[in-house]
Amino acid sequence: MAPKELARIYDRSELWVVDGYRKFRVSSASGQPVALYSAGVEALALSPDGQYVITALPVERIPESWEALYLLLTRRSIPPHAGAQNINAPDGRLYVSQYVSVDLATGSITPLTDAPMGNGAGWCTAPFAPAGATTRGRWSCRIPLSRRRTIGQMQHPADRA
């Protein structure tokens, strides 16, 4: 198959760090590579100090609370349900994901919200999104990094403190 044909069926990539001439794959605390799918690549944002990235990762288990609160409103023909997802598949376009912060040195992954990303839940925001709206994470340089992160059209709860 040609690379363009593979890209249509293979959506999985891995998070790597390039620091000068040194490059290394980022591994989670379990030792597994941090796998990114298209939602994670689109949301990827490096912190100003280069120590963290904001991205989107699929959740291993969809919580029942998400199904009750968020996923019943989906526009998907087959809505996602609470339970396990096979997050090692080559195509992650239909995964339910959440925004996370990844420590590039340790691989520590911290969820930024207790909610799914809108696109993973099947929500369509285009008709209501303001011009220039994005799903890419952003970092604020005026407040310490551990406290300020803005994600798409949503703010992390620490921003309101």
N, C-alpha and C. Protein backbone atom coordinates (compact mmCIF):
# COMPACT_ATOMS: atom_id res chain seq x y z
N MET A 1 0.83 -1.19 0.00
CA MET A 1 0.00 0.00 0.00
C MET A 1 0.88 1.24 0.00
N ALA A 2 0.39 2.27 -0.63
CA ALA A 2 1.07 3.56 -0.65
C ALA A 2 0.87 4.26 0.69
N PRO A 3 1.79 5.16 1.10
CA PRO A 3 1.65 5.85 2.40
C PRO A 3 0.31 6.57 2.56
N LYS A 4 -0.22 7.17 1.50
CA LYS A 4 -1.50 7.87 1.63
C LYS A 4 -2.63 6.88 1.92
N GLU A 5 -2.58 5.70 1.33
CA GLU A 5 -3.60 4.70 1.60
C GLU A 5 -3.49 4.19 3.03
N LEU A 6 -2.26 4.00 3.52
CA LEU A 6 -2.07 3.57 4.90
C LEU A 6 -2.59 4.61 5.88
N ALA A 7 -2.39 5.90 5.57
CA ALA A 7 -2.84 6.97 6.46
C ALA A 7 -4.34 6.96 6.63
N ARG A 8 -5.07 6.46 5.65
CA ARG A 8 -6.53 6.40 5.77
C ARG A 8 -6.99 5.34 6.76
N ILE A 9 -6.20 4.29 6.95
CA ILE A 9 -6.61 3.22 7.86
C ILE A 9 -5.75 3.12 9.11
N TYR A 10 -4.61 3.79 9.13
CA TYR A 10 -3.69 3.70 10.26
C TYR A 10 -3.53 5.09 10.86
N ASP A 11 -4.10 5.29 12.02
CA ASP A 11 -4.18 6.61 12.64
C ASP A 11 -3.24 6.73 13.84
N ARG A 12 -2.50 5.71 14.17
CA ARG A 12 -1.70 5.66 15.40
C ARG A 12 -0.28 6.16 15.16
N SER A 13 0.19 7.01 16.07
CA SER A 13 1.58 7.44 16.07
C SER A 13 2.05 7.48 17.52
N GLU A 14 3.30 7.85 17.75
CA GLU A 14 3.86 7.88 19.10
C GLU A 14 4.44 9.25 19.38
N LEU A 15 4.47 9.59 20.67
CA LEU A 15 5.01 10.88 21.11
C LEU A 15 6.52 10.77 21.29
N TRP A 16 7.25 11.61 20.60
CA TRP A 16 8.71 11.66 20.68
C TRP A 16 9.15 13.06 21.08
N VAL A 17 10.33 13.15 21.71
CA VAL A 17 10.94 14.42 22.07
C VAL A 17 12.23 14.56 21.28
N VAL A 18 12.45 15.72 20.70
CA VAL A 18 13.72 16.04 20.06
C VAL A 18 14.27 17.25 20.80
N ASP A 19 15.41 17.05 21.46
CA ASP A 19 16.05 18.09 22.26
C ASP A 19 17.46 18.28 21.73
N GLY A 20 17.62 19.25 20.84
CA GLY A 20 18.91 19.42 20.18
C GLY A 20 19.15 18.22 19.28
N TYR A 21 20.24 17.51 19.52
CA TYR A 21 20.56 16.32 18.72
C TYR A 21 20.05 15.04 19.36
N ARG A 22 19.50 15.16 20.55
CA ARG A 22 19.01 13.99 21.28
C ARG A 22 17.53 13.81 20.99
N LYS A 23 17.11 12.58 20.68
CA LYS A 23 15.69 12.30 20.50
C LYS A 23 15.35 11.01 21.23
N PHE A 24 14.13 10.98 21.81
CA PHE A 24 13.70 9.79 22.52
C PHE A 24 12.18 9.71 22.51
N ARG A 25 11.69 8.48 22.59
CA ARG A 25 10.26 8.22 22.64
C ARG A 25 9.79 8.41 24.08
N VAL A 26 8.66 9.07 24.26
CA VAL A 26 8.09 9.27 25.59
C VAL A 26 7.29 8.03 25.97
N SER A 27 7.61 7.48 27.14
CA SER A 27 6.90 6.30 27.65
C SER A 27 6.11 6.68 28.88
N SER A 28 4.95 6.08 29.04
CA SER A 28 4.10 6.33 30.21
C SER A 28 4.72 5.65 31.43
N ALA A 29 4.11 5.85 32.58
CA ALA A 29 4.61 5.23 33.81
C ALA A 29 4.63 3.70 33.70
N SER A 30 3.76 3.13 32.87
CA SER A 30 3.73 1.67 32.69
C SER A 30 4.83 1.18 31.75
N GLY A 31 5.58 2.10 31.16
CA GLY A 31 6.65 1.73 30.24
C GLY A 31 6.22 1.64 28.79
N GLN A 32 4.93 1.78 28.53
CA GLN A 32 4.42 1.73 27.16
C GLN A 32 4.61 3.09 26.48
N PRO A 33 4.86 3.11 25.17
CA PRO A 33 4.94 4.39 24.46
C PRO A 33 3.62 5.15 24.56
N VAL A 34 3.70 6.47 24.62
CA VAL A 34 2.49 7.30 24.62
C VAL A 34 2.01 7.35 23.17
N ALA A 35 0.89 6.69 22.92
CA ALA A 35 0.34 6.61 21.57
C ALA A 35 -0.60 7.77 21.31
N LEU A 36 -0.43 8.40 20.16
CA LEU A 36 -1.29 9.51 19.75
C LEU A 36 -2.09 9.10 18.52
N TYR A 37 -3.34 9.50 18.50
CA TYR A 37 -4.18 9.34 17.32
C TYR A 37 -4.46 10.74 16.78
N SER A 38 -5.25 10.86 15.75
CA SER A 38 -5.43 12.16 15.10
C SER A 38 -5.92 13.23 16.07
N ALA A 39 -6.82 12.91 16.99
CA ALA A 39 -7.30 13.91 17.95
C ALA A 39 -6.15 14.41 18.83
N GLY A 40 -5.26 13.50 19.23
CA GLY A 40 -4.12 13.89 20.05
C GLY A 40 -3.11 14.73 19.30
N VAL A 41 -2.89 14.40 18.03
CA VAL A 41 -1.96 15.18 17.21
C VAL A 41 -2.51 16.58 17.00
N GLU A 42 -3.81 16.69 16.73
CA GLU A 42 -4.43 18.00 16.50
C GLU A 42 -4.42 18.85 17.76
N ALA A 43 -4.53 18.25 18.94
CA ALA A 43 -4.58 18.99 20.19
C ALA A 43 -3.19 19.28 20.76
N LEU A 44 -2.15 18.71 20.20
CA LEU A 44 -0.80 18.79 20.75
C LEU A 44 -0.31 20.24 20.89
N ALA A 45 0.14 20.58 22.11
CA ALA A 45 0.69 21.91 22.38
C ALA A 45 1.81 21.77 23.41
N LEU A 46 2.97 22.30 23.09
CA LEU A 46 4.14 22.26 23.96
C LEU A 46 4.11 23.44 24.93
N SER A 47 4.42 23.17 26.21
CA SER A 47 4.46 24.25 27.20
C SER A 47 5.63 25.18 26.89
N PRO A 48 5.55 26.45 27.32
CA PRO A 48 6.64 27.40 27.05
C PRO A 48 8.01 26.94 27.56
N ASP A 49 8.03 26.18 28.67
CA ASP A 49 9.31 25.71 29.21
C ASP A 49 9.75 24.39 28.59
N GLY A 50 8.93 23.79 27.72
CA GLY A 50 9.30 22.57 27.02
C GLY A 50 9.23 21.32 27.87
N GLN A 51 8.65 21.39 29.07
CA GLN A 51 8.61 20.23 29.96
C GLN A 51 7.34 19.40 29.83
N TYR A 52 6.29 19.97 29.28
CA TYR A 52 4.99 19.31 29.20
C TYR A 52 4.38 19.50 27.82
N VAL A 53 3.45 18.62 27.48
CA VAL A 53 2.58 18.86 26.33
C VAL A 53 1.14 18.63 26.79
N ILE A 54 0.25 19.38 26.17
CA ILE A 54 -1.17 19.09 26.28
C ILE A 54 -1.50 18.30 25.03
N THR A 55 -2.28 17.26 25.20
CA THR A 55 -2.73 16.47 24.07
C THR A 55 -4.04 15.80 24.45
N ALA A 56 -4.53 14.97 23.59
CA ALA A 56 -5.74 14.18 23.88
C ALA A 56 -5.38 12.71 23.74
N LEU A 57 -5.73 11.94 24.75
CA LEU A 57 -5.48 10.50 24.72
C LEU A 57 -6.79 9.76 24.93
N PRO A 58 -6.94 8.61 24.27
CA PRO A 58 -8.15 7.82 24.51
C PRO A 58 -8.15 7.27 25.93
N VAL A 59 -9.32 7.19 26.51
CA VAL A 59 -9.44 6.62 27.85
C VAL A 59 -9.57 5.10 27.72
N GLU A 60 -8.92 4.39 28.64
CA GLU A 60 -9.00 2.92 28.60
C GLU A 60 -10.42 2.44 28.89
N ARG A 61 -11.06 3.09 29.84
CA ARG A 61 -12.43 2.74 30.20
C ARG A 61 -13.28 4.01 30.19
N ILE A 62 -14.38 3.97 29.48
CA ILE A 62 -15.31 5.09 29.47
C ILE A 62 -16.13 4.99 30.75
N PRO A 63 -16.06 6.01 31.62
CA PRO A 63 -16.81 5.95 32.88
C PRO A 63 -18.32 5.97 32.65
N GLU A 64 -19.04 5.30 33.52
CA GLU A 64 -20.50 5.31 33.44
C GLU A 64 -21.04 6.73 33.56
N SER A 65 -20.38 7.55 34.38
CA SER A 65 -20.85 8.93 34.55
C SER A 65 -20.79 9.71 33.24
N TRP A 66 -19.78 9.42 32.40
CA TRP A 66 -19.69 10.09 31.10
C TRP A 66 -20.83 9.68 30.20
N GLU A 67 -21.17 8.39 30.23
CA GLU A 67 -22.27 7.93 29.38
C GLU A 67 -23.56 8.66 29.77
N ALA A 68 -23.79 8.78 31.08
CA ALA A 68 -25.01 9.42 31.55
C ALA A 68 -25.02 10.92 31.28
N LEU A 69 -23.88 11.58 31.49
CA LEU A 69 -23.83 13.04 31.38
C LEU A 69 -23.58 13.56 29.96
N TYR A 70 -22.75 12.85 29.20
CA TYR A 70 -22.29 13.42 27.94
C TYR A 70 -22.65 12.61 26.70
N LEU A 71 -22.48 11.31 26.78
CA LEU A 71 -22.51 10.51 25.56
C LEU A 71 -23.92 10.22 25.05
N LEU A 72 -24.93 10.45 25.88
CA LEU A 72 -26.29 10.25 25.41
C LEU A 72 -26.70 11.34 24.41
N LEU A 73 -25.97 12.44 24.38
CA LEU A 73 -26.28 13.55 23.49
C LEU A 73 -25.56 13.45 22.15
N THR A 74 -24.91 12.36 21.92
CA THR A 74 -24.07 12.20 20.74
C THR A 74 -24.88 12.21 19.45
N ARG A 75 -24.21 12.59 18.37
CA ARG A 75 -24.81 12.55 17.04
C ARG A 75 -24.34 11.33 16.26
N ARG A 76 -23.56 10.48 16.89
CA ARG A 76 -23.11 9.25 16.23
C ARG A 76 -24.29 8.31 16.03
N SER A 77 -24.23 7.54 14.97
CA SER A 77 -25.29 6.56 14.75
C SER A 77 -25.24 5.45 15.80
N ILE A 78 -24.04 5.11 16.24
CA ILE A 78 -23.87 4.14 17.33
C ILE A 78 -23.11 4.86 18.44
N PRO A 79 -23.79 5.36 19.47
CA PRO A 79 -23.10 6.12 20.51
C PRO A 79 -22.18 5.23 21.34
N PRO A 80 -21.08 5.80 21.83
CA PRO A 80 -20.18 5.02 22.70
C PRO A 80 -20.86 4.73 24.03
N HIS A 81 -20.49 3.61 24.63
CA HIS A 81 -21.07 3.21 25.91
C HIS A 81 -19.96 3.06 26.94
N ALA A 82 -20.32 3.13 28.21
CA ALA A 82 -19.37 2.94 29.30
C ALA A 82 -18.72 1.57 29.17
N GLY A 83 -17.45 1.52 29.53
CA GLY A 83 -16.71 0.26 29.47
C GLY A 83 -15.37 0.43 28.79
N ALA A 84 -14.71 -0.68 28.54
CA ALA A 84 -13.35 -0.68 27.99
C ALA A 84 -13.34 -0.33 26.50
N GLN A 85 -12.27 0.36 26.10
CA GLN A 85 -11.97 0.61 24.70
C GLN A 85 -10.65 -0.10 24.38
N ASN A 86 -10.51 -0.65 23.21
CA ASN A 86 -9.23 -1.23 22.79
C ASN A 86 -8.36 -0.09 22.29
N ILE A 87 -7.57 0.49 23.20
CA ILE A 87 -6.81 1.70 22.83
C ILE A 87 -5.50 1.37 22.13
N ASN A 88 -5.32 0.16 21.70
CA ASN A 88 -4.13 -0.22 20.96
C ASN A 88 -4.42 -0.49 19.49
N ALA A 89 -5.60 -0.17 19.04
CA ALA A 89 -5.97 -0.39 17.65
C ALA A 89 -5.23 0.59 16.74
N PRO A 90 -5.06 0.26 15.46
CA PRO A 90 -4.36 1.16 14.55
C PRO A 90 -5.15 2.42 14.20
N ASP A 91 -6.46 2.41 14.37
CA ASP A 91 -7.28 3.57 14.04
C ASP A 91 -8.03 4.03 15.28
N GLY A 92 -7.78 5.26 15.71
CA GLY A 92 -8.41 5.78 16.92
C GLY A 92 -9.39 6.89 16.68
N ARG A 93 -9.85 7.04 15.45
CA ARG A 93 -10.74 8.17 15.14
C ARG A 93 -12.07 8.12 15.88
N LEU A 94 -12.53 6.96 16.27
CA LEU A 94 -13.81 6.87 16.97
C LEU A 94 -13.66 6.69 18.48
N TYR A 95 -12.43 6.78 18.98
CA TYR A 95 -12.22 6.66 20.41
C TYR A 95 -12.83 7.83 21.16
N VAL A 96 -13.23 7.58 22.38
CA VAL A 96 -13.59 8.65 23.30
C VAL A 96 -12.29 9.00 24.03
N SER A 97 -11.89 10.26 23.91
CA SER A 97 -10.61 10.72 24.47
C SER A 97 -10.85 11.85 25.45
N GLN A 98 -9.81 12.17 26.21
CA GLN A 98 -9.87 13.32 27.11
C GLN A 98 -8.55 14.07 27.02
N TYR A 99 -8.60 15.36 27.38
CA TYR A 99 -7.40 16.19 27.38
C TYR A 99 -6.52 15.81 28.56
N VAL A 100 -5.20 15.72 28.31
CA VAL A 100 -4.25 15.38 29.36
C VAL A 100 -3.01 16.27 29.23
N SER A 101 -2.25 16.31 30.30
CA SER A 101 -0.93 16.92 30.30
C SER A 101 0.07 15.78 30.45
N VAL A 102 1.12 15.78 29.63
CA VAL A 102 2.14 14.74 29.68
C VAL A 102 3.46 15.38 30.08
N ASP A 103 4.06 14.90 31.17
CA ASP A 103 5.40 15.32 31.58
C ASP A 103 6.38 14.60 30.66
N LEU A 104 7.11 15.34 29.84
CA LEU A 104 7.97 14.72 28.84
C LEU A 104 9.17 14.00 29.44
N ALA A 105 9.59 14.38 30.65
CA ALA A 105 10.74 13.73 31.28
C ALA A 105 10.36 12.40 31.94
N THR A 106 9.18 12.37 32.57
CA THR A 106 8.80 11.18 33.33
C THR A 106 7.73 10.33 32.65
N GLY A 107 7.01 10.91 31.70
CA GLY A 107 5.90 10.20 31.07
C GLY A 107 4.63 10.22 31.90
N SER A 108 4.65 10.95 33.01
CA SER A 108 3.47 11.05 33.86
C SER A 108 2.34 11.73 33.10
N ILE A 109 1.17 11.12 33.12
CA ILE A 109 0.01 11.62 32.39
C ILE A 109 -1.04 12.06 33.40
N THR A 110 -1.46 13.33 33.30
CA THR A 110 -2.45 13.88 34.21
C THR A 110 -3.67 14.36 33.43
N PRO A 111 -4.85 13.78 33.68
CA PRO A 111 -6.05 14.28 33.01
C PRO A 111 -6.32 15.73 33.40
N LEU A 112 -6.74 16.54 32.45
CA LEU A 112 -7.03 17.94 32.72
C LEU A 112 -8.50 18.19 32.98
N THR A 113 -9.34 17.28 32.59
CA THR A 113 -10.78 17.41 32.81
C THR A 113 -11.34 16.04 33.16
N ASP A 114 -12.50 16.03 33.72
CA ASP A 114 -13.21 14.77 33.96
C ASP A 114 -14.38 14.73 32.97
N ALA A 115 -14.02 14.86 31.69
CA ALA A 115 -15.03 14.88 30.64
C ALA A 115 -14.37 14.44 29.33
N PRO A 116 -15.17 13.89 28.42
CA PRO A 116 -14.61 13.51 27.12
C PRO A 116 -14.45 14.73 26.22
N MET A 117 -13.57 14.59 25.23
CA MET A 117 -13.49 15.60 24.18
C MET A 117 -14.80 15.57 23.41
N GLY A 118 -15.22 16.69 22.92
CA GLY A 118 -16.48 16.76 22.19
C GLY A 118 -16.50 15.92 20.94
N ASN A 119 -15.39 15.91 20.17
CA ASN A 119 -15.42 15.14 18.92
C ASN A 119 -15.47 13.64 19.18
N GLY A 120 -14.86 13.16 20.24
CA GLY A 120 -14.93 11.74 20.57
C GLY A 120 -16.31 11.31 21.01
N ALA A 121 -17.06 12.27 21.53
CA ALA A 121 -18.43 11.99 21.94
C ALA A 121 -19.40 12.17 20.78
N GLY A 122 -18.88 12.60 19.63
CA GLY A 122 -19.73 12.75 18.45
C GLY A 122 -20.40 14.09 18.33
N TRP A 123 -19.96 15.06 19.12
CA TRP A 123 -20.58 16.38 19.05
C TRP A 123 -19.99 17.16 17.90
N CYS A 124 -20.78 17.93 17.26
CA CYS A 124 -20.33 18.78 16.16
C CYS A 124 -20.42 20.22 16.64
N THR A 125 -19.30 20.95 16.67
CA THR A 125 -19.31 22.32 17.17
C THR A 125 -19.22 23.36 16.07
N ALA A 126 -19.01 22.94 14.84
CA ALA A 126 -18.76 23.89 13.77
C ALA A 126 -19.82 24.99 13.65
N PRO A 127 -21.13 24.68 13.69
CA PRO A 127 -22.09 25.76 13.50
C PRO A 127 -22.07 26.79 14.63
N PHE A 128 -21.61 26.40 15.81
CA PHE A 128 -21.66 27.28 16.96
C PHE A 128 -20.30 27.83 17.36
N ALA A 129 -19.23 27.36 16.75
CA ALA A 129 -17.88 27.76 17.13
C ALA A 129 -17.58 29.16 16.61
N PRO A 130 -16.96 30.02 17.44
CA PRO A 130 -16.57 31.33 16.94
C PRO A 130 -15.45 31.21 15.91
N ALA A 131 -15.31 32.23 15.09
CA ALA A 131 -14.26 32.21 14.06
C ALA A 131 -12.90 31.99 14.73
N GLY A 132 -12.10 31.11 14.18
CA GLY A 132 -10.77 30.84 14.70
C GLY A 132 -10.75 29.86 15.85
N ALA A 133 -11.88 29.27 16.21
CA ALA A 133 -11.92 28.31 17.32
C ALA A 133 -11.10 27.08 16.95
N THR A 134 -10.53 26.44 17.96
CA THR A 134 -9.65 25.31 17.73
C THR A 134 -9.77 24.29 18.84
N THR A 135 -9.32 23.07 18.58
CA THR A 135 -9.25 22.07 19.64
C THR A 135 -7.85 22.00 20.20
N ARG A 136 -6.93 22.80 19.71
CA ARG A 136 -5.55 22.78 20.16
C ARG A 136 -5.45 23.37 21.57
N GLY A 137 -4.65 22.73 22.43
CA GLY A 137 -4.42 23.25 23.76
C GLY A 137 -3.57 24.51 23.70
N ARG A 138 -3.68 25.35 24.70
CA ARG A 138 -2.88 26.57 24.76
C ARG A 138 -2.36 26.72 26.19
N TRP A 139 -1.20 27.34 26.31
CA TRP A 139 -0.58 27.59 27.61
C TRP A 139 -0.56 29.09 27.85
N SER A 140 -0.81 29.51 29.07
CA SER A 140 -0.71 30.91 29.43
C SER A 140 0.67 31.14 30.01
N CYS A 141 1.33 32.21 29.59
CA CYS A 141 2.67 32.52 30.09
C CYS A 141 2.63 33.40 31.33
N ARG A 142 1.46 33.92 31.70
CA ARG A 142 1.38 34.85 32.81
C ARG A 142 1.13 34.18 34.16
N ILE A 143 0.67 32.95 34.15
CA ILE A 143 0.36 32.24 35.38
C ILE A 143 1.21 30.98 35.41
N PRO A 144 1.70 30.53 36.58
CA PRO A 144 2.54 29.33 36.63
C PRO A 144 1.91 28.16 35.87
N LEU A 145 2.76 27.40 35.17
CA LEU A 145 2.31 26.33 34.30
C LEU A 145 1.45 25.30 35.00
N SER A 146 1.70 25.08 36.27
CA SER A 146 0.93 24.06 36.97
C SER A 146 -0.51 24.49 37.20
N ARG A 147 -0.82 25.76 36.96
CA ARG A 147 -2.16 26.24 37.25
C ARG A 147 -2.96 26.67 36.04
N ARG A 148 -2.34 27.00 34.92
CA ARG A 148 -3.10 27.63 33.84
C ARG A 148 -2.97 26.88 32.53
N ARG A 149 -4.08 26.33 32.07
CA ARG A 149 -4.14 25.68 30.78
C ARG A 149 -5.50 25.99 30.19
N THR A 150 -5.55 26.36 28.93
CA THR A 150 -6.81 26.58 28.25
C THR A 150 -6.90 25.56 27.14
N ILE A 151 -8.01 24.87 27.04
CA ILE A 151 -8.16 23.81 26.05
C ILE A 151 -9.34 24.16 25.16
N GLY A 152 -9.03 24.37 23.90
CA GLY A 152 -10.10 24.67 22.96
C GLY A 152 -10.98 25.77 23.49
N GLN A 153 -12.26 25.50 23.65
CA GLN A 153 -13.20 26.48 24.15
C GLN A 153 -13.54 26.22 25.62
N MET A 154 -12.69 25.48 26.32
CA MET A 154 -12.96 25.08 27.68
C MET A 154 -11.76 25.45 28.55
N GLN A 155 -11.99 25.88 29.78
CA GLN A 155 -10.89 26.17 30.68
C GLN A 155 -10.80 25.12 31.77
N HIS A 156 -9.57 24.82 32.16
CA HIS A 156 -9.31 23.90 33.27
C HIS A 156 -9.83 24.54 34.55
N PRO A 157 -10.42 23.78 35.47
CA PRO A 157 -10.98 24.36 36.69
C PRO A 157 -10.00 25.21 37.49
N ALA A 158 -8.70 24.91 37.47
CA ALA A 158 -7.72 25.71 38.22
C ALA A 158 -7.66 27.13 37.70
N ASP A 159 -8.10 27.37 36.46
CA ASP A 159 -8.08 28.73 35.91
C ASP A 159 -9.05 29.65 36.63
N ARG A 160 -10.07 29.09 37.24
CA ARG A 160 -11.11 29.91 37.86
C ARG A 160 -10.76 30.28 39.29
N ALA A 161 -9.67 29.73 39.82
CA ALA A 161 -9.30 29.98 41.21
C ALA A 161 -8.76 31.39 41.38
